[in-house]
Amino acid sequence: MKKTKILIATAIVCIATFVAIAADHIDAPAVTGGTSDITDFYAFSGEDNSNIAFVANVQGLLLPGDTGSASFDENVLIEINIDTDEDAVQDLVIQAIPRDGRMYFFGPYATNSTDLSSSIGTTSSIQGVVDITQYGENAITATANNMTFFAGPRDDPFFFDFDQFNSILDPDNSASSFNDPGIDKFAGTNVLSVVVEVPKSMIGGSGNINTWVETKRKQ
């Protein structure tokens, strides 16, 4: 197996049985404005209920068409961890790494590693590749080994009244309620998304899992 040493840059622990959401959005000082910054992570049943879709978003608050700076970093590995037996230790991983305009996927495959470093499983028997969708293009997807893949910019719908949240935290502000309906605070901004849809049979069968995502930077 070819091994590439990767060190952890940031991680969001996210908890899922079918649906999970966690958000960072440049809150972590160590990765603010960096290419390893995780914004959101989702896991949910696919349109085909026998599948689970994983969505990992990085690099939030991107302006549409900002092709000069908004691109996946070839030195950053996106790693989806899957715990199938509820012991809070990953049993399987799905890895995604960009190269020359394409996103390469490895796994899900079994791992015993709980270290803050990873090796890319380039000899994994289950893997796929998809062209990275560019701004203005229709979404490009690819299917291999009963899995479906996507990578590229997407709109960031963040329906949270962030201004009111900050106001409530201000002891000198008398406001006490959020706007209803909610406000898409990040309207007009994008994230870079990595999406992989996987049959439940590949990750324990039932789909009842815990899952979290990490980004790891090449050493």
N, C-alpha and C. Protein backbone atom coordinates (compact mmCIF):
# COMPACT_ATOMS: atom_id res chain seq x y z
N MET A 1 0.84 -1.19 0.00
CA MET A 1 0.00 0.00 0.00
C MET A 1 0.88 1.24 0.00
N LYS A 2 0.64 2.13 -0.92
CA LYS A 2 1.34 3.41 -0.91
C LYS A 2 0.82 4.23 0.26
N LYS A 3 1.72 4.87 1.00
CA LYS A 3 1.31 5.64 2.17
C LYS A 3 1.79 7.07 2.05
N THR A 4 0.90 8.00 2.30
CA THR A 4 1.24 9.41 2.34
C THR A 4 0.93 9.92 3.74
N LYS A 5 1.91 10.47 4.39
CA LYS A 5 1.73 10.92 5.77
C LYS A 5 0.87 12.16 5.81
N ILE A 6 -0.16 12.16 6.61
CA ILE A 6 -1.09 13.27 6.75
C ILE A 6 -1.22 13.60 8.22
N LEU A 7 -1.14 14.86 8.58
CA LEU A 7 -1.37 15.29 9.97
C LEU A 7 -2.68 16.03 10.08
N ILE A 8 -3.33 15.91 11.22
CA ILE A 8 -4.64 16.53 11.39
C ILE A 8 -4.51 18.04 11.46
N ALA A 9 -5.45 18.72 10.77
CA ALA A 9 -5.49 20.17 10.82
C ALA A 9 -6.66 20.64 11.68
N THR A 10 -7.80 20.02 11.49
CA THR A 10 -8.97 20.40 12.28
C THR A 10 -9.98 19.27 12.22
N ALA A 11 -10.89 19.23 13.14
CA ALA A 11 -11.90 18.18 13.12
C ALA A 11 -13.16 18.69 13.77
N ILE A 12 -14.29 18.25 13.22
CA ILE A 12 -15.57 18.48 13.87
C ILE A 12 -16.13 17.12 14.23
N VAL A 13 -16.40 16.87 15.49
CA VAL A 13 -17.03 15.62 15.87
C VAL A 13 -18.52 15.78 15.63
N CYS A 14 -19.06 14.88 14.86
CA CYS A 14 -20.43 15.00 14.40
C CYS A 14 -21.11 13.67 14.64
N ILE A 15 -22.33 13.66 14.97
CA ILE A 15 -23.00 12.51 15.48
C ILE A 15 -24.19 12.19 14.59
N ALA A 16 -24.25 10.96 14.09
CA ALA A 16 -25.29 10.73 13.11
C ALA A 16 -25.91 9.37 13.24
N THR A 17 -27.17 9.31 13.26
CA THR A 17 -27.94 8.16 12.84
C THR A 17 -28.85 8.70 11.76
N PHE A 18 -28.44 8.57 10.57
CA PHE A 18 -29.10 9.09 9.37
C PHE A 18 -28.89 10.58 9.15
N VAL A 19 -29.05 11.43 10.13
CA VAL A 19 -28.90 12.86 9.90
C VAL A 19 -28.02 13.45 10.99
N ALA A 20 -27.00 14.23 10.58
CA ALA A 20 -26.16 14.91 11.55
C ALA A 20 -25.65 16.20 10.96
N ILE A 21 -25.59 17.24 11.79
CA ILE A 21 -25.12 18.54 11.33
C ILE A 21 -24.21 19.12 12.40
N ALA A 22 -23.06 19.60 12.00
CA ALA A 22 -22.20 20.39 12.89
C ALA A 22 -21.62 21.53 12.08
N ALA A 23 -21.34 22.65 12.72
CA ALA A 23 -20.88 23.82 11.97
C ALA A 23 -19.71 24.48 12.65
N ASP A 24 -18.81 24.97 11.85
CA ASP A 24 -17.66 25.70 12.35
C ASP A 24 -17.66 27.10 11.73
N HIS A 25 -17.66 27.18 10.40
CA HIS A 25 -17.70 28.46 9.69
C HIS A 25 -16.68 29.46 10.22
N ILE A 26 -15.43 29.11 10.07
CA ILE A 26 -14.25 29.91 10.43
C ILE A 26 -14.23 30.33 11.89
N ASP A 27 -14.85 29.55 12.78
CA ASP A 27 -14.80 29.87 14.19
C ASP A 27 -13.49 29.46 14.84
N ALA A 28 -12.80 28.48 14.26
CA ALA A 28 -11.59 27.98 14.89
C ALA A 28 -10.39 28.81 14.45
N PRO A 29 -9.74 29.50 15.37
CA PRO A 29 -8.65 30.41 14.99
C PRO A 29 -7.54 29.75 14.20
N ALA A 30 -7.26 28.47 14.47
CA ALA A 30 -6.13 27.81 13.81
C ALA A 30 -6.36 27.60 12.32
N VAL A 31 -7.63 27.60 11.90
CA VAL A 31 -7.91 27.32 10.48
C VAL A 31 -8.67 28.44 9.80
N THR A 32 -8.93 29.54 10.49
CA THR A 32 -9.69 30.64 9.91
C THR A 32 -9.07 31.09 8.59
N GLY A 33 -9.90 31.08 7.56
CA GLY A 33 -9.44 31.51 6.26
C GLY A 33 -8.59 30.49 5.54
N GLY A 34 -8.44 29.29 6.13
CA GLY A 34 -7.59 28.27 5.54
C GLY A 34 -8.37 27.29 4.69
N THR A 35 -7.65 26.49 3.93
CA THR A 35 -8.29 25.54 3.02
C THR A 35 -8.73 24.26 3.71
N SER A 36 -8.39 24.10 4.98
CA SER A 36 -8.81 22.92 5.72
C SER A 36 -10.00 23.19 6.63
N ASP A 37 -10.55 24.39 6.60
CA ASP A 37 -11.63 24.77 7.49
C ASP A 37 -12.92 24.04 7.13
N ILE A 38 -13.46 23.27 8.07
CA ILE A 38 -14.73 22.56 7.88
C ILE A 38 -15.88 23.50 8.23
N THR A 39 -16.90 23.56 7.39
CA THR A 39 -18.08 24.35 7.72
C THR A 39 -19.20 23.48 8.25
N ASP A 40 -19.59 22.47 7.50
CA ASP A 40 -20.69 21.59 7.91
C ASP A 40 -20.41 20.16 7.49
N PHE A 41 -21.07 19.24 8.18
CA PHE A 41 -21.02 17.83 7.81
C PHE A 41 -22.42 17.26 7.97
N TYR A 42 -22.89 16.55 6.95
CA TYR A 42 -24.23 15.97 6.95
C TYR A 42 -24.15 14.48 6.64
N ALA A 43 -25.04 13.70 7.24
CA ALA A 43 -25.22 12.29 6.87
C ALA A 43 -26.70 12.00 6.91
N PHE A 44 -27.24 11.44 5.84
CA PHE A 44 -28.68 11.21 5.78
C PHE A 44 -28.99 10.11 4.78
N SER A 45 -30.18 9.55 4.91
CA SER A 45 -30.61 8.51 3.97
C SER A 45 -30.72 9.07 2.57
N GLY A 46 -30.28 8.29 1.59
CA GLY A 46 -30.38 8.71 0.21
C GLY A 46 -31.80 8.59 -0.30
N GLU A 47 -32.00 9.06 -1.54
CA GLU A 47 -33.32 8.88 -2.17
C GLU A 47 -33.66 7.40 -2.22
N ASP A 48 -32.67 6.57 -2.47
CA ASP A 48 -32.79 5.13 -2.30
C ASP A 48 -32.49 4.84 -0.84
N ASN A 49 -33.47 4.39 -0.09
CA ASN A 49 -33.34 4.24 1.35
C ASN A 49 -32.31 3.21 1.76
N SER A 50 -31.79 2.45 0.81
CA SER A 50 -30.75 1.49 1.13
C SER A 50 -29.36 2.13 1.11
N ASN A 51 -29.30 3.45 0.82
CA ASN A 51 -28.04 4.17 0.77
C ASN A 51 -27.98 5.24 1.84
N ILE A 52 -26.76 5.66 2.18
CA ILE A 52 -26.52 6.83 3.04
C ILE A 52 -25.64 7.80 2.26
N ALA A 53 -25.99 9.08 2.31
CA ALA A 53 -25.19 10.13 1.67
C ALA A 53 -24.41 10.88 2.75
N PHE A 54 -23.14 11.11 2.49
CA PHE A 54 -22.29 11.92 3.35
C PHE A 54 -21.91 13.18 2.59
N VAL A 55 -22.01 14.33 3.25
CA VAL A 55 -21.65 15.61 2.64
C VAL A 55 -20.70 16.33 3.59
N ALA A 56 -19.49 16.60 3.12
CA ALA A 56 -18.51 17.36 3.90
C ALA A 56 -18.24 18.66 3.18
N ASN A 57 -18.45 19.78 3.86
CA ASN A 57 -18.24 21.11 3.28
C ASN A 57 -17.02 21.77 3.92
N VAL A 58 -16.21 22.40 3.09
CA VAL A 58 -15.02 23.12 3.57
C VAL A 58 -14.97 24.50 2.93
N GLN A 59 -14.17 25.38 3.52
CA GLN A 59 -13.90 26.72 2.99
C GLN A 59 -15.19 27.54 2.82
N GLY A 60 -15.80 27.94 3.91
CA GLY A 60 -17.04 28.69 3.86
C GLY A 60 -16.87 30.15 3.45
N LEU A 61 -18.01 30.79 3.20
CA LEU A 61 -18.09 32.22 2.87
C LEU A 61 -17.33 32.58 1.59
N LEU A 62 -17.36 31.67 0.62
CA LEU A 62 -16.73 31.93 -0.68
C LEU A 62 -17.67 32.73 -1.56
N LEU A 63 -17.14 33.67 -2.29
CA LEU A 63 -17.95 34.44 -3.23
C LEU A 63 -18.10 33.66 -4.53
N PRO A 64 -19.31 33.59 -5.10
CA PRO A 64 -19.50 32.88 -6.36
C PRO A 64 -18.56 33.40 -7.44
N GLY A 65 -17.95 32.48 -8.15
CA GLY A 65 -17.05 32.86 -9.22
C GLY A 65 -15.65 33.19 -8.76
N ASP A 66 -15.38 33.03 -7.46
CA ASP A 66 -14.05 33.34 -6.96
C ASP A 66 -13.11 32.17 -7.24
N THR A 67 -12.84 31.95 -8.52
CA THR A 67 -12.04 30.81 -8.91
C THR A 67 -10.57 30.99 -8.58
N GLY A 68 -10.16 32.21 -8.29
CA GLY A 68 -8.76 32.44 -8.00
C GLY A 68 -8.31 31.82 -6.70
N SER A 69 -9.17 31.87 -5.67
CA SER A 69 -8.76 31.36 -4.36
C SER A 69 -9.61 30.19 -3.89
N ALA A 70 -10.77 29.98 -4.47
CA ALA A 70 -11.69 28.95 -4.00
C ALA A 70 -11.44 27.66 -4.77
N SER A 71 -10.58 26.83 -4.22
CA SER A 71 -10.33 25.54 -4.84
C SER A 71 -9.88 24.57 -3.77
N PHE A 72 -10.12 23.29 -4.01
CA PHE A 72 -9.68 22.27 -3.07
C PHE A 72 -8.15 22.26 -3.01
N ASP A 73 -7.65 22.05 -1.81
CA ASP A 73 -6.22 22.05 -1.57
C ASP A 73 -5.68 20.62 -1.73
N GLU A 74 -4.72 20.43 -2.61
CA GLU A 74 -4.17 19.10 -2.86
C GLU A 74 -3.37 18.58 -1.67
N ASN A 75 -3.09 19.41 -0.70
CA ASN A 75 -2.38 18.97 0.51
C ASN A 75 -3.32 18.67 1.67
N VAL A 76 -4.62 18.75 1.43
CA VAL A 76 -5.60 18.53 2.49
C VAL A 76 -6.44 17.29 2.17
N LEU A 77 -6.40 16.33 3.05
CA LEU A 77 -7.21 15.12 2.96
C LEU A 77 -8.50 15.33 3.74
N ILE A 78 -9.63 14.98 3.13
CA ILE A 78 -10.93 14.98 3.81
C ILE A 78 -11.24 13.54 4.17
N GLU A 79 -11.46 13.29 5.45
CA GLU A 79 -11.64 11.91 5.92
C GLU A 79 -12.94 11.79 6.71
N ILE A 80 -13.82 10.94 6.21
CA ILE A 80 -15.10 10.66 6.88
C ILE A 80 -14.91 9.40 7.71
N ASN A 81 -15.14 9.52 9.02
CA ASN A 81 -14.99 8.40 9.95
C ASN A 81 -16.35 7.81 10.26
N ILE A 82 -16.42 6.48 10.31
CA ILE A 82 -17.69 5.79 10.53
C ILE A 82 -17.52 4.78 11.65
N ASP A 83 -18.32 4.94 12.69
CA ASP A 83 -18.33 4.03 13.84
C ASP A 83 -19.58 3.17 13.73
N THR A 84 -19.41 1.87 13.55
CA THR A 84 -20.56 0.98 13.32
C THR A 84 -21.01 0.23 14.56
N ASP A 85 -20.26 0.32 15.68
CA ASP A 85 -20.63 -0.46 16.86
C ASP A 85 -20.79 0.39 18.12
N GLU A 86 -20.92 1.71 17.94
CA GLU A 86 -21.27 2.63 19.01
C GLU A 86 -20.23 2.68 20.14
N ASP A 87 -18.94 2.51 19.77
CA ASP A 87 -17.90 2.64 20.79
C ASP A 87 -17.11 3.93 20.63
N ALA A 88 -17.59 4.83 19.75
CA ALA A 88 -16.97 6.13 19.51
C ALA A 88 -15.55 6.02 18.95
N VAL A 89 -15.27 4.90 18.31
CA VAL A 89 -14.00 4.70 17.60
C VAL A 89 -14.32 4.31 16.17
N GLN A 90 -13.66 4.94 15.22
CA GLN A 90 -13.97 4.66 13.83
C GLN A 90 -13.62 3.22 13.46
N ASP A 91 -14.55 2.59 12.75
CA ASP A 91 -14.33 1.25 12.21
C ASP A 91 -14.01 1.29 10.73
N LEU A 92 -14.56 2.31 10.05
CA LEU A 92 -14.36 2.47 8.62
C LEU A 92 -14.02 3.92 8.32
N VAL A 93 -13.32 4.15 7.23
CA VAL A 93 -13.08 5.51 6.76
C VAL A 93 -13.36 5.60 5.27
N ILE A 94 -13.80 6.79 4.85
CA ILE A 94 -13.87 7.16 3.44
C ILE A 94 -12.98 8.38 3.29
N GLN A 95 -12.03 8.33 2.39
CA GLN A 95 -11.08 9.42 2.22
C GLN A 95 -11.26 10.07 0.84
N ALA A 96 -11.06 11.39 0.79
CA ALA A 96 -11.16 12.13 -0.47
C ALA A 96 -9.96 13.07 -0.56
N ILE A 97 -9.30 13.05 -1.72
CA ILE A 97 -8.12 13.90 -1.93
C ILE A 97 -8.14 14.41 -3.37
N PRO A 98 -7.94 15.72 -3.59
CA PRO A 98 -7.97 16.26 -4.96
C PRO A 98 -6.60 16.15 -5.63
N ARG A 99 -6.64 15.94 -6.95
CA ARG A 99 -5.44 15.93 -7.76
C ARG A 99 -5.79 16.37 -9.18
N ASP A 100 -5.18 17.45 -9.63
CA ASP A 100 -5.28 17.88 -11.04
C ASP A 100 -6.73 17.97 -11.53
N GLY A 101 -7.58 18.62 -10.74
CA GLY A 101 -8.95 18.85 -11.17
C GLY A 101 -9.90 17.69 -10.96
N ARG A 102 -9.47 16.67 -10.26
CA ARG A 102 -10.33 15.52 -9.97
C ARG A 102 -10.26 15.21 -8.48
N MET A 103 -11.35 14.65 -7.95
CA MET A 103 -11.38 14.23 -6.56
C MET A 103 -11.35 12.70 -6.52
N TYR A 104 -10.38 12.17 -5.79
CA TYR A 104 -10.20 10.72 -5.68
C TYR A 104 -10.72 10.25 -4.32
N PHE A 105 -11.46 9.14 -4.34
CA PHE A 105 -12.08 8.60 -3.14
C PHE A 105 -11.53 7.21 -2.86
N PHE A 106 -11.30 6.93 -1.58
CA PHE A 106 -10.82 5.62 -1.14
C PHE A 106 -11.70 5.16 0.02
N GLY A 107 -12.10 3.90 -0.03
CA GLY A 107 -12.96 3.35 1.00
C GLY A 107 -14.43 3.29 0.57
N PRO A 108 -15.33 2.89 1.50
CA PRO A 108 -15.01 2.68 2.92
C PRO A 108 -14.18 1.42 3.14
N TYR A 109 -13.15 1.57 3.95
CA TYR A 109 -12.35 0.41 4.31
C TYR A 109 -12.06 0.44 5.80
N ALA A 110 -11.76 -0.75 6.34
CA ALA A 110 -11.56 -0.88 7.78
C ALA A 110 -10.24 -0.26 8.19
N THR A 111 -10.25 0.37 9.35
CA THR A 111 -9.03 0.96 9.90
C THR A 111 -9.00 0.74 11.40
N ASN A 112 -7.83 0.49 11.92
CA ASN A 112 -7.65 0.35 13.36
C ASN A 112 -6.98 1.57 13.97
N SER A 113 -6.67 2.55 13.11
CA SER A 113 -5.93 3.72 13.57
C SER A 113 -6.84 4.70 14.28
N THR A 114 -6.38 5.16 15.44
CA THR A 114 -7.07 6.25 16.14
C THR A 114 -6.12 7.42 16.34
N ASP A 115 -5.03 7.42 15.57
CA ASP A 115 -4.04 8.48 15.69
C ASP A 115 -4.55 9.75 15.01
N LEU A 116 -3.82 10.85 15.25
CA LEU A 116 -4.14 12.10 14.58
C LEU A 116 -3.45 12.20 13.23
N SER A 117 -2.96 11.08 12.72
CA SER A 117 -2.37 11.03 11.39
C SER A 117 -3.00 9.89 10.62
N SER A 118 -2.97 9.97 9.30
CA SER A 118 -3.58 8.97 8.44
C SER A 118 -2.70 8.69 7.25
N SER A 119 -2.88 7.52 6.66
CA SER A 119 -2.27 7.20 5.38
C SER A 119 -3.39 6.98 4.37
N ILE A 120 -3.17 7.42 3.15
CA ILE A 120 -4.19 7.25 2.12
C ILE A 120 -4.18 5.80 1.64
N GLY A 121 -5.34 5.17 1.67
CA GLY A 121 -5.44 3.77 1.29
C GLY A 121 -5.52 3.58 -0.20
N THR A 122 -4.43 3.81 -0.90
CA THR A 122 -4.47 3.83 -2.36
C THR A 122 -4.65 2.45 -2.99
N THR A 123 -4.51 1.37 -2.20
CA THR A 123 -4.76 0.05 -2.75
C THR A 123 -6.11 -0.50 -2.29
N SER A 124 -6.93 0.36 -1.69
CA SER A 124 -8.26 -0.06 -1.29
C SER A 124 -9.04 -0.56 -2.50
N SER A 125 -9.76 -1.68 -2.32
CA SER A 125 -10.46 -2.28 -3.46
C SER A 125 -11.67 -1.48 -3.89
N ILE A 126 -12.17 -0.60 -3.03
CA ILE A 126 -13.35 0.21 -3.35
C ILE A 126 -12.90 1.66 -3.44
N GLN A 127 -12.98 2.23 -4.62
CA GLN A 127 -12.58 3.61 -4.79
C GLN A 127 -13.24 4.19 -6.03
N GLY A 128 -13.25 5.50 -6.14
CA GLY A 128 -13.86 6.17 -7.28
C GLY A 128 -13.20 7.50 -7.52
N VAL A 129 -13.52 8.13 -8.63
CA VAL A 129 -12.95 9.42 -8.98
C VAL A 129 -14.00 10.22 -9.75
N VAL A 130 -14.02 11.54 -9.54
CA VAL A 130 -14.97 12.40 -10.23
C VAL A 130 -14.28 13.71 -10.58
N ASP A 131 -14.60 14.25 -11.76
CA ASP A 131 -14.11 15.58 -12.10
C ASP A 131 -14.71 16.60 -11.15
N ILE A 132 -13.90 17.53 -10.68
CA ILE A 132 -14.40 18.57 -9.79
C ILE A 132 -15.22 19.56 -10.60
N THR A 133 -16.49 19.74 -10.23
CA THR A 133 -17.36 20.70 -10.90
C THR A 133 -16.84 22.12 -10.68
N GLN A 134 -16.80 22.91 -11.73
CA GLN A 134 -16.34 24.28 -11.65
C GLN A 134 -17.54 25.23 -11.53
N TYR A 135 -17.30 26.47 -11.11
CA TYR A 135 -18.36 27.45 -11.01
C TYR A 135 -19.04 27.61 -12.37
N GLY A 136 -20.38 27.63 -12.34
CA GLY A 136 -21.15 27.82 -13.56
C GLY A 136 -21.44 26.55 -14.32
N GLU A 137 -20.81 25.44 -13.96
CA GLU A 137 -21.06 24.17 -14.63
C GLU A 137 -22.21 23.42 -13.97
N ASN A 138 -22.90 22.60 -14.76
CA ASN A 138 -23.85 21.67 -14.18
C ASN A 138 -23.09 20.65 -13.34
N ALA A 139 -23.73 20.17 -12.30
CA ALA A 139 -23.07 19.25 -11.38
C ALA A 139 -22.59 18.01 -12.11
N ILE A 140 -21.33 17.67 -11.89
CA ILE A 140 -20.74 16.46 -12.47
C ILE A 140 -20.72 15.39 -11.39
N THR A 141 -21.29 14.23 -11.66
CA THR A 141 -21.24 13.12 -10.73
C THR A 141 -20.63 11.91 -11.42
N ALA A 142 -20.17 10.98 -10.62
CA ALA A 142 -19.61 9.74 -11.15
C ALA A 142 -20.08 8.59 -10.26
N THR A 143 -20.21 7.42 -10.84
CA THR A 143 -20.64 6.24 -10.11
C THR A 143 -19.63 5.12 -10.32
N ALA A 144 -19.25 4.48 -9.24
CA ALA A 144 -18.35 3.33 -9.30
C ALA A 144 -18.56 2.48 -8.07
N ASN A 145 -18.50 1.16 -8.22
CA ASN A 145 -18.62 0.25 -7.08
C ASN A 145 -19.88 0.52 -6.26
N ASN A 146 -20.99 0.84 -6.97
CA ASN A 146 -22.29 1.10 -6.34
C ASN A 146 -22.29 2.36 -5.48
N MET A 147 -21.29 3.22 -5.64
CA MET A 147 -21.20 4.48 -4.91
C MET A 147 -21.31 5.63 -5.91
N THR A 148 -21.79 6.79 -5.45
CA THR A 148 -21.89 7.97 -6.28
C THR A 148 -21.10 9.10 -5.65
N PHE A 149 -20.42 9.90 -6.49
CA PHE A 149 -19.47 10.90 -6.00
C PHE A 149 -19.73 12.27 -6.64
N PHE A 150 -19.44 13.31 -5.88
CA PHE A 150 -19.48 14.70 -6.37
C PHE A 150 -18.46 15.51 -5.59
N ALA A 151 -17.88 16.52 -6.26
CA ALA A 151 -17.02 17.49 -5.57
C ALA A 151 -17.10 18.80 -6.32
N GLY A 152 -17.30 19.89 -5.60
CA GLY A 152 -17.35 21.20 -6.24
C GLY A 152 -18.07 22.22 -5.38
N PRO A 153 -18.19 23.46 -5.87
CA PRO A 153 -18.84 24.53 -5.11
C PRO A 153 -20.35 24.37 -5.07
N ARG A 154 -20.92 24.71 -3.93
CA ARG A 154 -22.38 24.70 -3.73
C ARG A 154 -22.76 25.92 -2.91
N ASP A 155 -24.00 26.37 -3.07
CA ASP A 155 -24.51 27.46 -2.24
C ASP A 155 -24.57 27.01 -0.79
N ASP A 156 -24.34 27.93 0.13
CA ASP A 156 -24.31 27.61 1.55
C ASP A 156 -25.57 28.13 2.24
N PRO A 157 -26.64 27.32 2.29
CA PRO A 157 -27.87 27.78 2.95
C PRO A 157 -27.76 27.63 4.46
N PHE A 158 -27.53 28.72 5.15
CA PHE A 158 -27.31 28.69 6.59
C PHE A 158 -28.42 29.49 7.25
N PHE A 159 -29.53 28.84 7.55
CA PHE A 159 -30.71 29.52 8.09
C PHE A 159 -30.59 29.64 9.60
N PHE A 160 -29.86 30.67 9.99
CA PHE A 160 -29.65 30.94 11.41
C PHE A 160 -29.54 32.44 11.57
N ASP A 161 -30.31 32.98 12.50
CA ASP A 161 -30.32 34.43 12.72
C ASP A 161 -29.10 34.81 13.55
N PHE A 162 -27.95 34.87 12.88
CA PHE A 162 -26.68 35.07 13.57
C PHE A 162 -26.61 36.44 14.24
N ASP A 163 -27.15 37.47 13.58
CA ASP A 163 -27.12 38.81 14.17
C ASP A 163 -27.91 38.85 15.48
N GLN A 164 -29.08 38.22 15.47
CA GLN A 164 -29.90 38.20 16.68
C GLN A 164 -29.25 37.36 17.78
N PHE A 165 -28.58 36.31 17.38
CA PHE A 165 -27.85 35.48 18.34
C PHE A 165 -26.82 36.33 19.08
N ASN A 166 -26.07 37.11 18.34
CA ASN A 166 -25.07 37.98 18.97
C ASN A 166 -25.73 39.06 19.83
N SER A 167 -26.90 39.54 19.38
CA SER A 167 -27.60 40.56 20.16
C SER A 167 -28.06 40.03 21.50
N ILE A 168 -28.55 38.81 21.51
CA ILE A 168 -29.02 38.21 22.77
C ILE A 168 -27.87 38.02 23.74
N LEU A 169 -26.70 37.75 23.21
CA LEU A 169 -25.53 37.58 24.08
C LEU A 169 -25.05 38.91 24.67
N ASP A 170 -25.50 40.01 24.05
CA ASP A 170 -25.10 41.33 24.52
C ASP A 170 -26.00 41.74 25.68
N PRO A 171 -25.47 41.90 26.90
CA PRO A 171 -26.31 42.22 28.06
C PRO A 171 -27.00 43.58 27.95
N ASP A 172 -26.51 44.45 27.07
CA ASP A 172 -27.11 45.77 26.92
C ASP A 172 -28.22 45.79 25.85
N ASN A 173 -28.52 44.64 25.28
CA ASN A 173 -29.52 44.57 24.23
C ASN A 173 -30.78 43.93 24.82
N SER A 174 -31.92 44.54 24.57
CA SER A 174 -33.17 44.05 25.16
C SER A 174 -33.87 43.01 24.29
N ALA A 175 -33.39 42.78 23.08
CA ALA A 175 -34.03 41.81 22.19
C ALA A 175 -33.96 40.42 22.80
N SER A 176 -35.03 39.65 22.61
CA SER A 176 -35.06 38.33 23.25
C SER A 176 -35.55 37.22 22.33
N SER A 177 -35.79 37.50 21.06
CA SER A 177 -36.34 36.46 20.20
C SER A 177 -35.68 36.51 18.82
N PHE A 178 -35.72 35.38 18.15
CA PHE A 178 -35.15 35.27 16.82
C PHE A 178 -36.21 35.62 15.77
N ASN A 179 -35.73 35.98 14.59
CA ASN A 179 -36.65 36.28 13.49
C ASN A 179 -37.37 35.02 13.03
N ASP A 180 -38.63 35.16 12.72
CA ASP A 180 -39.44 34.07 12.20
C ASP A 180 -40.23 34.59 11.01
N PRO A 181 -39.97 34.14 9.78
CA PRO A 181 -39.10 33.00 9.44
C PRO A 181 -37.63 33.34 9.58
N GLY A 182 -36.82 32.29 9.55
CA GLY A 182 -35.39 32.46 9.71
C GLY A 182 -34.74 33.19 8.55
N ILE A 183 -33.53 33.61 8.75
CA ILE A 183 -32.77 34.36 7.75
C ILE A 183 -31.63 33.49 7.24
N ASP A 184 -31.51 33.43 5.91
CA ASP A 184 -30.37 32.74 5.31
C ASP A 184 -29.17 33.68 5.40
N LYS A 185 -28.47 33.61 6.51
CA LYS A 185 -27.41 34.57 6.81
C LYS A 185 -26.29 34.53 5.78
N PHE A 186 -26.03 33.37 5.22
CA PHE A 186 -24.92 33.23 4.28
C PHE A 186 -25.39 33.21 2.83
N ALA A 187 -26.56 33.77 2.57
CA ALA A 187 -27.07 33.82 1.19
C ALA A 187 -26.05 34.50 0.29
N GLY A 188 -25.84 33.92 -0.88
CA GLY A 188 -24.90 34.50 -1.83
C GLY A 188 -23.46 34.08 -1.61
N THR A 189 -23.23 33.16 -0.67
CA THR A 189 -21.88 32.63 -0.48
C THR A 189 -21.89 31.13 -0.72
N ASN A 190 -20.71 30.61 -1.00
CA ASN A 190 -20.59 29.20 -1.33
C ASN A 190 -19.65 28.48 -0.38
N VAL A 191 -19.71 27.16 -0.45
CA VAL A 191 -18.75 26.27 0.18
C VAL A 191 -18.25 25.31 -0.89
N LEU A 192 -17.18 24.61 -0.60
CA LEU A 192 -16.73 23.52 -1.44
C LEU A 192 -17.21 22.22 -0.81
N SER A 193 -17.98 21.45 -1.58
CA SER A 193 -18.62 20.25 -1.06
C SER A 193 -18.00 18.98 -1.64
N VAL A 194 -17.89 17.99 -0.78
CA VAL A 194 -17.54 16.63 -1.19
C VAL A 194 -18.70 15.75 -0.78
N VAL A 195 -19.26 15.02 -1.75
CA VAL A 195 -20.45 14.19 -1.50
C VAL A 195 -20.15 12.77 -1.95
N VAL A 196 -20.48 11.82 -1.12
CA VAL A 196 -20.38 10.42 -1.50
C VAL A 196 -21.61 9.69 -0.96
N GLU A 197 -22.29 8.95 -1.83
CA GLU A 197 -23.45 8.15 -1.44
C GLU A 197 -23.05 6.68 -1.47
N VAL A 198 -23.31 5.99 -0.36
CA VAL A 198 -22.78 4.65 -0.13
C VAL A 198 -23.91 3.70 0.25
N PRO A 199 -23.94 2.49 -0.30
CA PRO A 199 -24.92 1.50 0.17
C PRO A 199 -24.71 1.19 1.66
N LYS A 200 -25.80 1.08 2.38
CA LYS A 200 -25.69 0.74 3.81
C LYS A 200 -24.98 -0.60 4.01
N SER A 201 -25.08 -1.48 3.03
CA SER A 201 -24.44 -2.78 3.15
C SER A 201 -22.93 -2.68 3.27
N MET A 202 -22.36 -1.55 2.82
CA MET A 202 -20.92 -1.35 2.90
C MET A 202 -20.47 -0.80 4.25
N ILE A 203 -21.42 -0.34 5.06
CA ILE A 203 -21.04 0.31 6.33
C ILE A 203 -21.84 -0.26 7.50
N GLY A 204 -21.99 -1.55 7.52
CA GLY A 204 -22.61 -2.18 8.67
C GLY A 204 -24.01 -2.72 8.44
N GLY A 205 -24.61 -2.39 7.30
CA GLY A 205 -25.89 -2.98 6.95
C GLY A 205 -27.09 -2.16 7.33
N SER A 206 -27.27 -1.84 8.61
CA SER A 206 -28.48 -1.15 9.04
C SER A 206 -28.43 0.34 8.75
N GLY A 207 -27.23 0.90 8.68
CA GLY A 207 -27.09 2.35 8.52
C GLY A 207 -27.12 3.10 9.83
N ASN A 208 -27.28 2.39 10.96
CA ASN A 208 -27.24 3.03 12.27
C ASN A 208 -25.78 3.22 12.68
N ILE A 209 -25.30 4.42 12.54
CA ILE A 209 -23.87 4.69 12.72
C ILE A 209 -23.66 5.98 13.50
N ASN A 210 -22.44 6.15 13.99
CA ASN A 210 -21.94 7.45 14.38
C ASN A 210 -20.91 7.85 13.34
N THR A 211 -20.85 9.13 13.01
CA THR A 211 -19.91 9.55 11.98
C THR A 211 -19.41 10.96 12.25
N TRP A 212 -18.19 11.21 11.86
CA TRP A 212 -17.60 12.56 11.99
C TRP A 212 -16.60 12.75 10.86
N VAL A 213 -16.25 13.99 10.63
CA VAL A 213 -15.33 14.29 9.54
C VAL A 213 -14.10 15.02 10.08
N GLU A 214 -12.98 14.78 9.45
CA GLU A 214 -11.73 15.47 9.77
C GLU A 214 -11.08 15.96 8.48
N THR A 215 -10.36 17.05 8.58
CA THR A 215 -9.44 17.41 7.51
C THR A 215 -8.03 17.28 8.05
N LYS A 216 -7.15 16.76 7.21
CA LYS A 216 -5.79 16.49 7.63
C LYS A 216 -4.83 17.01 6.55
N ARG A 217 -3.83 17.69 6.99
CA ARG A 217 -2.90 18.33 6.06
C ARG A 217 -1.64 17.49 5.91
N LYS A 218 -1.15 17.42 4.67
CA LYS A 218 0.06 16.65 4.38
C LYS A 218 1.25 17.24 5.12
N GLN A 219 2.01 16.34 5.74
CA GLN A 219 3.18 16.78 6.51
C GLN A 219 4.35 17.10 5.58
